[in-house]
Amino acid sequence: MPEAVVFDLFETLVTEFVPDWLPGPSLASRLGLPDETWTTVWRSRKTARMTSAVDFRDVVREACTAADIKIGSQIAETIQTLYEERLAAKARPLLTADPRLLRALAELRAKGLKLGVASNCAVEEVAAWNDSPFAPLFDQVLFSYRVGFSKPDPRIYRLACQGLGVSPSKVIFVGDGGSDELAGARAVGMTAYRARWFLDQWPAAHRDHRSDQDEGFPALFVPDELVALLLDHR
């Protein structure tokens, strides 16, 4: 009988998909950076950003330095503006919670299930978490940049279970499947389900077409399916 549920965050509890989004000037172009320089530096800093409190602005400054761009007052102002825009963009999904998920989480809590979050994220990506309507609903929240390791590292799953006081065999993990998170959860003894309620909103060209059946992870298409699944066991 499950005693707890641990959720992924992005594209599981919140989505960053914006149907009417149109591309604007790239970050690199706003700084006069070659696109390849920005891409190289950004990718090289991914692990550090996910496992420590690396400041987004420092990564941008590093890219400028790599491109021999002097960081004078104008560039410094642009970097700060880019940072503030990123904070706002990352706050939007956290502050506009899907009512279906809030209702589902409340039902699970009412039935005595413990709830946790385990998310791969950089510090600026979750700066608005405490202002989110999700924050009061969870017994434990693990952000990879705080704990020093990210999914699918088994340590983050075990830490989640320890914090909730539940053995992995009694925990359901729910995520969209990025970063091999479902396989990582299963490897430590959790039962993993793939959340598709946001994934299926993305344009076909950007969706992950891997077969849920082939992967061995059952799909959940609406949050209510998770509620029904768990309450059937109680």
Protein backbone atom coordinates (compact mmCIF):
# COMPACT_ATOMS: atom_id res chain seq x y z
CA MET A 1 0.00 0.00 0.00
CA PRO A 2 1.59 3.35 -1.04
CA GLU A 3 2.30 5.75 1.80
CA ALA A 4 3.83 8.65 -0.13
CA VAL A 5 4.09 10.22 -3.57
CA VAL A 6 7.16 12.05 -4.87
CA PHE A 7 6.64 14.34 -7.85
CA ASP A 8 8.93 15.79 -10.45
CA LEU A 9 8.34 19.54 -10.86
CA PHE A 10 8.68 20.81 -14.43
CA GLU A 11 6.20 19.33 -16.91
CA THR A 12 4.71 17.33 -14.03
CA LEU A 13 3.42 19.82 -11.46
CA VAL A 14 3.91 22.86 -13.69
CA THR A 15 4.44 23.38 -17.40
CA GLU A 16 6.58 25.94 -19.18
CA PHE A 17 4.73 25.44 -22.46
CA VAL A 18 3.21 28.71 -23.72
CA PRO A 19 0.99 28.15 -26.79
CA ASP A 20 1.26 31.70 -28.13
CA TRP A 21 5.01 32.12 -27.52
CA LEU A 22 6.94 33.70 -30.37
CA PRO A 23 10.74 33.82 -30.51
CA GLY A 24 12.33 37.17 -29.85
CA PRO A 25 15.95 38.28 -29.94
CA SER A 26 18.19 35.61 -28.45
CA LEU A 27 20.16 36.16 -25.28
CA ALA A 28 23.37 35.94 -27.26
CA SER A 29 22.29 38.54 -29.79
CA ARG A 30 21.29 40.98 -27.04
CA LEU A 31 24.83 40.81 -25.69
CA GLY A 32 26.62 40.69 -29.03
CA LEU A 33 27.71 37.11 -28.27
CA PRO A 34 28.26 34.48 -30.97
CA ASP A 35 25.50 31.89 -30.55
CA GLU A 36 28.01 29.04 -30.49
CA THR A 37 29.96 30.64 -27.63
CA TRP A 38 26.85 31.03 -25.51
CA THR A 39 25.71 27.49 -26.27
CA THR A 40 29.10 26.02 -25.40
CA VAL A 41 29.38 27.88 -22.09
CA TRP A 42 25.75 27.24 -21.12
CA ARG A 43 26.02 23.52 -21.76
CA SER A 44 29.35 23.26 -19.98
CA ARG A 45 27.81 24.74 -16.84
CA LYS A 46 24.71 22.54 -16.76
CA THR A 47 25.93 20.07 -14.14
CA ALA A 48 27.21 22.84 -11.88
CA ARG A 49 23.96 24.79 -12.26
CA MET A 50 21.91 21.74 -11.34
CA THR A 51 24.00 20.71 -8.34
CA SER A 52 25.11 24.00 -6.77
CA ALA A 53 23.88 27.56 -6.36
CA VAL A 54 25.50 28.92 -9.52
CA ASP A 55 24.23 32.40 -10.33
CA PHE A 56 22.76 32.70 -13.83
CA ARG A 57 24.46 36.08 -14.20
CA ASP A 58 27.85 34.54 -13.56
CA VAL A 59 27.34 32.12 -16.43
CA VAL A 60 26.41 34.99 -18.73
CA ARG A 61 29.50 36.91 -17.63
CA GLU A 62 31.61 33.82 -18.28
CA ALA A 63 30.25 33.63 -21.83
CA CYS A 64 31.01 37.32 -22.38
CA THR A 65 34.56 36.80 -21.17
CA ALA A 66 34.96 33.79 -23.48
CA ALA A 67 33.90 36.01 -26.39
CA ASP A 68 36.25 38.83 -25.33
CA ILE A 69 33.33 41.12 -24.60
CA LYS A 70 34.18 43.74 -22.00
CA ILE A 71 31.60 43.90 -19.24
CA GLY A 72 31.07 47.62 -18.98
CA SER A 73 28.07 49.37 -17.51
CA GLN A 74 25.82 48.78 -20.53
CA ILE A 75 26.58 45.05 -20.73
CA ALA A 76 26.21 44.75 -16.94
CA GLU A 77 22.78 46.38 -17.17
CA THR A 78 21.75 44.02 -19.97
CA ILE A 79 22.88 41.02 -17.93
CA GLN A 80 20.78 42.17 -14.97
CA THR A 81 17.78 42.69 -17.25
CA LEU A 82 18.20 39.19 -18.70
CA TYR A 83 18.37 37.79 -15.18
CA GLU A 84 15.19 39.57 -14.11
CA GLU A 85 13.41 38.38 -17.25
CA ARG A 86 14.47 34.83 -16.52
CA LEU A 87 13.22 35.05 -12.94
CA ALA A 88 9.86 36.30 -14.19
CA ALA A 89 9.61 33.60 -16.85
CA LYS A 90 10.41 30.86 -14.35
CA ALA A 91 8.01 32.29 -11.77
CA ARG A 92 5.03 32.31 -14.14
CA PRO A 93 4.32 28.55 -14.14
CA LEU A 94 4.90 28.30 -10.39
CA LEU A 95 2.45 31.07 -9.63
CA THR A 96 -0.27 29.92 -12.05
CA ALA A 97 -0.93 26.42 -10.77
CA ASP A 98 -3.22 24.05 -12.63
CA PRO A 99 -6.40 23.67 -10.51
CA ARG A 100 -6.56 19.98 -11.39
CA LEU A 101 -3.25 19.38 -9.67
CA LEU A 102 -4.04 21.47 -6.61
CA ARG A 103 -7.26 19.52 -6.18
CA ALA A 104 -5.51 16.18 -6.65
CA LEU A 105 -2.78 17.04 -4.15
CA ALA A 106 -5.34 18.17 -1.58
CA GLU A 107 -7.23 14.89 -1.98
CA LEU A 108 -4.09 12.84 -1.52
CA ARG A 109 -3.12 14.77 1.60
CA ALA A 110 -6.63 14.37 2.98
CA LYS A 111 -6.25 10.61 2.67
CA GLY A 112 -3.02 10.66 4.69
CA LEU A 113 -0.47 10.31 1.92
CA LYS A 114 2.82 12.13 2.37
CA LEU A 115 3.89 14.29 -0.56
CA GLY A 116 7.33 15.25 -1.81
CA VAL A 117 9.04 16.99 -4.72
CA ALA A 118 12.36 16.01 -6.27
CA SER A 119 13.38 18.40 -9.03
CA ASN A 120 16.43 18.95 -11.18
CA CYS A 121 16.71 22.73 -11.19
CA ALA A 122 19.00 25.72 -10.96
CA VAL A 123 18.61 28.29 -8.23
CA GLU A 124 16.84 30.93 -10.33
CA GLU A 125 14.39 28.43 -11.78
CA VAL A 126 12.63 27.90 -8.45
CA ALA A 127 13.17 31.28 -6.80
CA ALA A 128 9.38 31.78 -6.71
CA TRP A 129 8.62 28.40 -5.13
CA ASN A 130 7.76 29.75 -1.68
CA ASP A 131 5.14 32.04 -3.25
CA SER A 132 3.59 29.18 -5.20
CA PRO A 133 0.28 27.64 -4.11
CA PHE A 134 2.07 24.30 -4.27
CA ALA A 135 4.52 25.10 -1.47
CA PRO A 136 2.20 24.45 1.52
CA LEU A 137 1.01 21.13 0.09
CA PHE A 138 4.30 19.25 0.34
CA ASP A 139 5.96 17.59 3.30
CA GLN A 140 9.38 17.69 1.67
CA VAL A 141 10.91 19.52 -1.28
CA LEU A 142 14.29 18.58 -2.75
CA PHE A 143 15.88 20.88 -5.30
CA SER A 144 18.97 19.41 -6.92
CA TYR A 145 21.01 22.62 -6.66
CA ARG A 146 20.55 22.49 -2.88
CA VAL A 147 21.26 18.82 -2.25
CA GLY A 148 24.23 18.55 -4.63
CA PHE A 149 23.01 15.77 -6.93
CA SER A 150 20.31 15.38 -9.53
CA LYS A 151 18.07 12.70 -10.99
CA PRO A 152 18.67 9.93 -11.87
CA ASP A 153 21.30 9.79 -9.10
CA PRO A 154 19.89 7.29 -6.59
CA ARG A 155 20.83 9.54 -3.70
CA ILE A 156 18.12 12.10 -4.45
CA TYR A 157 15.40 9.42 -4.41
CA ARG A 158 16.72 7.88 -1.20
CA LEU A 159 16.95 11.29 0.41
CA ALA A 160 13.33 11.93 -0.54
CA CYS A 161 12.23 8.66 1.04
CA GLN A 162 14.27 9.29 4.19
CA GLY A 163 12.83 12.77 4.55
CA LEU A 164 9.30 11.44 4.25
CA GLY A 165 10.04 8.56 6.61
CA VAL A 166 8.89 5.97 4.08
CA SER A 167 10.71 3.05 2.46
CA PRO A 168 11.09 3.25 -1.35
CA SER A 169 8.78 0.27 -1.82
CA LYS A 170 5.97 2.34 -0.31
CA VAL A 171 6.57 5.38 -2.55
CA ILE A 172 5.06 6.28 -5.93
CA PHE A 173 7.18 8.50 -8.16
CA VAL A 174 5.41 10.61 -10.79
CA GLY A 175 7.27 12.47 -13.54
CA ASP A 176 7.23 13.27 -17.23
CA GLY A 177 10.31 11.10 -17.74
CA GLY A 178 13.06 13.64 -18.42
CA SER A 179 16.59 12.96 -17.19
CA ASP A 180 15.83 9.22 -16.97
CA GLU A 181 14.00 10.02 -13.75
CA LEU A 182 11.52 7.14 -14.01
CA ALA A 183 14.23 4.52 -14.44
CA GLY A 184 16.12 6.13 -11.56
CA ALA A 185 13.09 5.89 -9.31
CA ARG A 186 12.46 2.29 -10.21
CA ALA A 187 16.12 1.41 -9.61
CA VAL A 188 15.83 2.35 -5.92
CA GLY A 189 12.58 0.44 -5.46
CA MET A 190 9.93 3.05 -6.12
CA THR A 191 6.95 2.47 -8.40
CA ALA A 192 7.14 4.97 -11.26
CA TYR A 193 4.38 6.49 -13.39
CA ARG A 194 4.75 8.79 -16.35
CA ALA A 195 2.72 12.02 -16.20
CA ARG A 196 1.43 12.99 -19.63
CA TRP A 197 -1.09 15.68 -18.72
CA PHE A 198 1.29 18.46 -19.76
CA LEU A 199 3.50 16.53 -22.17
CA ASP A 200 0.65 16.00 -24.61
CA GLN A 201 0.11 19.78 -24.88
CA TRP A 202 3.47 20.24 -26.60
CA PRO A 203 3.59 20.39 -30.41
CA ALA A 204 4.12 16.97 -31.97
CA ALA A 205 7.60 17.91 -33.19
CA HIS A 206 8.74 18.51 -29.60
CA ARG A 207 7.04 15.65 -27.83
CA ASP A 208 8.84 12.64 -26.52
CA HIS A 209 7.50 9.76 -28.63
CA ARG A 210 8.97 6.97 -26.54
CA SER A 211 6.42 4.27 -25.85
CA ASP A 212 5.21 4.11 -22.27
CA GLN A 213 4.48 0.43 -22.69
CA ASP A 214 7.94 -0.35 -24.03
CA GLU A 215 9.53 1.56 -21.17
CA GLY A 216 7.40 -0.28 -18.65
CA PHE A 217 6.11 2.90 -17.01
CA PRO A 218 2.31 3.25 -16.98
CA ALA A 219 1.02 6.57 -18.29
CA LEU A 220 -1.27 8.94 -16.42
CA PHE A 221 -3.18 11.30 -18.69
CA VAL A 222 -4.99 13.41 -16.08
CA PRO A 223 -4.22 14.01 -12.38
CA ASP A 224 -7.48 12.37 -11.34
CA GLU A 225 -6.11 9.06 -12.62
CA LEU A 226 -3.37 9.27 -10.03
CA VAL A 227 -5.89 10.01 -7.28
CA ALA A 228 -8.06 7.06 -8.29
CA LEU A 229 -5.04 4.78 -8.50
CA LEU A 230 -3.78 5.64 -5.03
CA LEU A 231 -7.11 5.76 -3.28
CA ASP A 232 -7.95 2.32 -4.62
CA HIS A 233 -5.07 1.02 -2.51
CA ARG A 234 -6.22 2.62 0.73
